[in-house]
């Protein structure tokens, strides 16, 4: 019974909670995550509850408490998770059209966080760019919105260099060029 809860029922309830969160039904998602935490303790549900609270704050227009909560979570997170949290913070600012803050955060925490590798078809886009493609493209746009067209052009040139010869990168090239 315990194995069934840990390995089957808990993950199913967690998946239902994710669906509810995607549909912006945060109350139901929170209750489902509470149940999932009881059924499968220690499976990372608490972090998802933090993220769920952040999503609700964003929807409600409260960016600063969300960023503060993510900064707090970042202090306790392992190194690879810190980069993902920094990317989320940058995307929060970008989603709120706070270009200056997004760029400042990215320059302070993301650019140079991952070792950048030479573009090659076998190297993941994230490793080649240093951040995930959505963050790269949105930051490229932020520089453009602020009028720093030289930086925006450099980022687009890097994106085109990294995406050359890749079948999975057409969407990022198109969005970057737009």
Protein backbone atom coordinates (compact mmCIF):
# COMPACT_ATOMS: atom_id res chain seq x y z
CA UNK A 1 0.00 0.00 0.00
CA UNK A 2 2.78 2.42 0.91
CA UNK A 3 4.61 1.66 -2.32
CA UNK A 4 1.41 2.23 -4.26
CA UNK A 5 1.02 5.67 -2.64
CA UNK A 6 4.65 6.64 -3.19
CA UNK A 7 5.05 5.38 -6.74
CA UNK A 8 1.63 5.59 -8.33
CA UNK A 9 -1.06 7.56 -6.51
CA UNK A 10 1.21 10.42 -5.35
CA UNK A 11 2.62 11.15 -8.83
CA UNK A 12 -0.87 10.94 -10.36
CA UNK A 13 -2.22 13.49 -7.86
CA UNK A 14 0.85 15.67 -8.51
CA UNK A 15 0.15 15.51 -12.26
CA UNK A 16 -3.46 16.53 -11.66
CA UNK A 17 -2.20 19.46 -9.58
CA UNK A 18 0.06 20.56 -12.43
CA UNK A 19 -2.89 20.46 -14.82
CA UNK A 20 -4.97 22.54 -12.41
CA UNK A 21 -2.12 25.05 -12.09
CA UNK A 22 -1.79 25.28 -15.87
CA UNK A 23 -5.51 26.08 -16.02
CA UNK A 24 -4.94 28.74 -13.31
CA UNK A 25 -7.09 26.87 -10.81
CA UNK A 26 -4.67 27.58 -7.99
CA UNK A 27 -6.93 26.63 -5.07
CA UNK A 28 -7.51 23.14 -6.42
CA UNK A 29 -3.85 22.79 -7.38
CA UNK A 30 -2.76 23.74 -3.85
CA UNK A 31 -5.08 21.16 -2.27
CA UNK A 32 -3.91 18.47 -4.69
CA UNK A 33 -0.27 19.27 -3.96
CA UNK A 34 -0.98 19.00 -0.23
CA UNK A 35 -2.46 15.53 -0.82
CA UNK A 36 0.49 14.59 -3.04
CA UNK A 37 2.92 15.66 -0.31
CA UNK A 38 1.15 13.38 2.18
CA UNK A 39 1.10 10.45 -0.28
CA UNK A 40 4.71 10.90 -1.45
CA UNK A 41 6.64 12.92 1.14
CA UNK A 42 10.06 14.23 0.16
CA UNK A 43 9.31 14.16 -3.56
CA UNK A 44 9.76 17.90 -4.11
CA UNK A 45 6.13 18.91 -3.72
CA UNK A 46 7.03 21.77 -1.37
CA UNK A 47 9.08 23.41 -4.12
CA UNK A 48 6.12 23.06 -6.46
CA UNK A 49 3.88 24.69 -3.87
CA UNK A 50 6.33 27.61 -3.72
CA UNK A 51 6.24 27.87 -7.49
CA UNK A 52 2.44 27.67 -7.44
CA UNK A 53 2.32 30.58 -5.02
CA UNK A 54 4.66 32.48 -7.31
CA UNK A 55 2.41 31.81 -10.29
CA UNK A 56 -0.60 33.08 -8.40
CA UNK A 57 1.27 36.22 -7.34
CA UNK A 58 2.27 36.91 -10.92
CA UNK A 59 -1.30 36.53 -12.09
CA UNK A 60 -2.34 38.95 -9.39
CA UNK A 61 0.39 41.42 -10.44
CA UNK A 62 2.63 41.00 -7.39
CA UNK A 63 6.08 40.52 -8.92
CA UNK A 64 8.28 41.64 -6.01
CA UNK A 65 7.04 39.10 -3.42
CA UNK A 66 7.42 36.40 -6.05
CA UNK A 67 10.98 37.42 -6.85
CA UNK A 68 11.77 37.57 -3.11
CA UNK A 69 10.34 34.06 -2.62
CA UNK A 70 12.38 32.74 -5.53
CA UNK A 71 15.53 34.49 -4.23
CA UNK A 72 14.95 32.80 -0.86
CA UNK A 73 14.44 29.41 -2.52
CA UNK A 74 17.59 30.00 -4.57
CA UNK A 75 19.74 30.29 -1.43
CA UNK A 76 18.82 26.76 -0.39
CA UNK A 77 18.89 25.20 -3.87
CA UNK A 78 21.73 23.22 -5.48
CA UNK A 79 23.84 24.99 -8.12
CA UNK A 80 22.00 23.64 -11.19
CA UNK A 81 18.64 24.62 -9.68
CA UNK A 82 19.93 28.13 -8.95
CA UNK A 83 20.41 28.79 -12.64
CA UNK A 84 16.86 27.63 -13.35
CA UNK A 85 15.54 29.90 -10.59
CA UNK A 86 17.52 32.84 -11.98
CA UNK A 87 16.02 32.15 -15.40
CA UNK A 88 12.53 32.17 -13.86
CA UNK A 89 13.23 35.47 -12.16
CA UNK A 90 14.40 36.99 -15.43
CA UNK A 91 11.30 35.65 -17.19
CA UNK A 92 9.09 37.16 -14.47
CA UNK A 93 10.55 40.57 -15.13
CA UNK A 94 10.25 40.03 -18.88
CA UNK A 95 6.61 38.94 -18.58
CA UNK A 96 5.91 42.10 -16.59
CA UNK A 97 7.65 44.20 -19.29
CA UNK A 98 10.24 45.35 -16.77
CA UNK A 99 13.07 45.22 -19.28
CA UNK A 100 15.71 47.05 -17.19
CA UNK A 101 15.31 44.74 -14.22
CA UNK A 102 15.29 41.63 -16.42
CA UNK A 103 18.51 42.67 -18.11
CA UNK A 104 20.19 43.64 -14.83
CA UNK A 105 19.24 40.30 -13.30
CA UNK A 106 20.41 38.35 -16.35
CA UNK A 107 23.71 40.20 -16.55
CA UNK A 108 24.36 39.70 -12.84
CA UNK A 109 23.22 36.09 -12.54
CA UNK A 110 22.84 34.34 -15.88
CA UNK A 111 25.36 35.51 -18.41
CA UNK A 112 28.44 33.49 -17.62
CA UNK A 113 26.63 31.14 -15.21
CA UNK A 114 27.01 28.18 -17.58
CA UNK A 115 30.14 27.51 -19.58
CA UNK A 116 29.38 28.39 -23.20
CA UNK A 117 30.41 25.76 -25.71
CA UNK A 118 31.14 26.09 -29.39
CA UNK A 119 28.03 25.65 -31.50
CA UNK A 120 27.72 22.15 -32.87
CA UNK A 121 24.71 20.00 -33.70
CA UNK A 122 25.40 17.66 -30.77
CA UNK A 123 25.73 20.42 -28.15
CA UNK A 124 22.45 21.35 -26.45
CA UNK A 125 21.16 24.83 -27.22
CA UNK A 126 21.25 25.72 -23.54
CA UNK A 127 24.94 24.82 -23.28
CA UNK A 128 25.76 26.69 -26.46
CA UNK A 129 23.89 29.86 -25.42
CA UNK A 130 24.53 29.73 -21.68
CA UNK A 131 20.79 29.98 -20.90
CA UNK A 132 17.64 28.35 -22.23
CA UNK A 133 16.52 29.52 -25.68
CA UNK A 134 13.27 31.14 -24.42
CA UNK A 135 15.20 33.28 -21.95
CA UNK A 136 17.80 34.17 -24.61
CA UNK A 137 15.14 35.23 -27.12
CA UNK A 138 13.15 37.25 -24.60
CA UNK A 139 16.31 39.03 -23.38
CA UNK A 140 17.24 39.75 -26.99
CA UNK A 141 13.86 41.46 -27.33
CA UNK A 142 14.33 43.35 -24.06
CA UNK A 143 17.57 44.86 -25.31
CA UNK A 144 15.71 45.88 -28.47
CA UNK A 145 12.84 47.46 -26.53
CA UNK A 146 15.34 49.53 -24.55
CA UNK A 147 17.08 50.67 -27.72
CA UNK A 148 20.34 48.75 -27.24
CA UNK A 149 20.24 47.46 -30.79
CA UNK A 150 23.94 46.57 -30.86
CA UNK A 151 23.55 44.10 -27.98
CA UNK A 152 20.35 42.80 -29.50
CA UNK A 153 22.11 42.26 -32.84
CA UNK A 154 25.03 40.48 -31.12
CA UNK A 155 22.59 38.17 -29.37
CA UNK A 156 20.73 37.46 -32.62
CA UNK A 157 24.03 36.72 -34.40
CA UNK A 158 24.98 34.30 -31.60
CA UNK A 159 21.56 32.66 -31.80
CA UNK A 160 21.89 32.20 -35.56
CA UNK A 161 25.40 30.81 -35.13
CA UNK A 162 24.28 28.33 -32.48
CA UNK A 163 21.15 27.28 -34.39
CA UNK A 164 22.86 26.78 -37.77
CA UNK A 165 22.25 23.25 -39.03
CA UNK A 166 19.82 22.28 -36.27
CA UNK A 167 16.37 21.00 -37.10
CA UNK A 168 15.05 21.71 -33.61
CA UNK A 169 15.89 25.41 -33.59
CA UNK A 170 13.71 26.95 -36.30
CA UNK A 171 11.20 28.26 -33.77
CA UNK A 172 13.91 30.06 -31.76
CA UNK A 173 15.44 31.59 -34.87
CA UNK A 174 12.05 32.83 -36.02
CA UNK A 175 11.19 34.31 -32.60
CA UNK A 176 14.63 35.89 -32.29
CA UNK A 177 14.35 37.51 -35.70
CA UNK A 178 10.87 38.80 -34.91
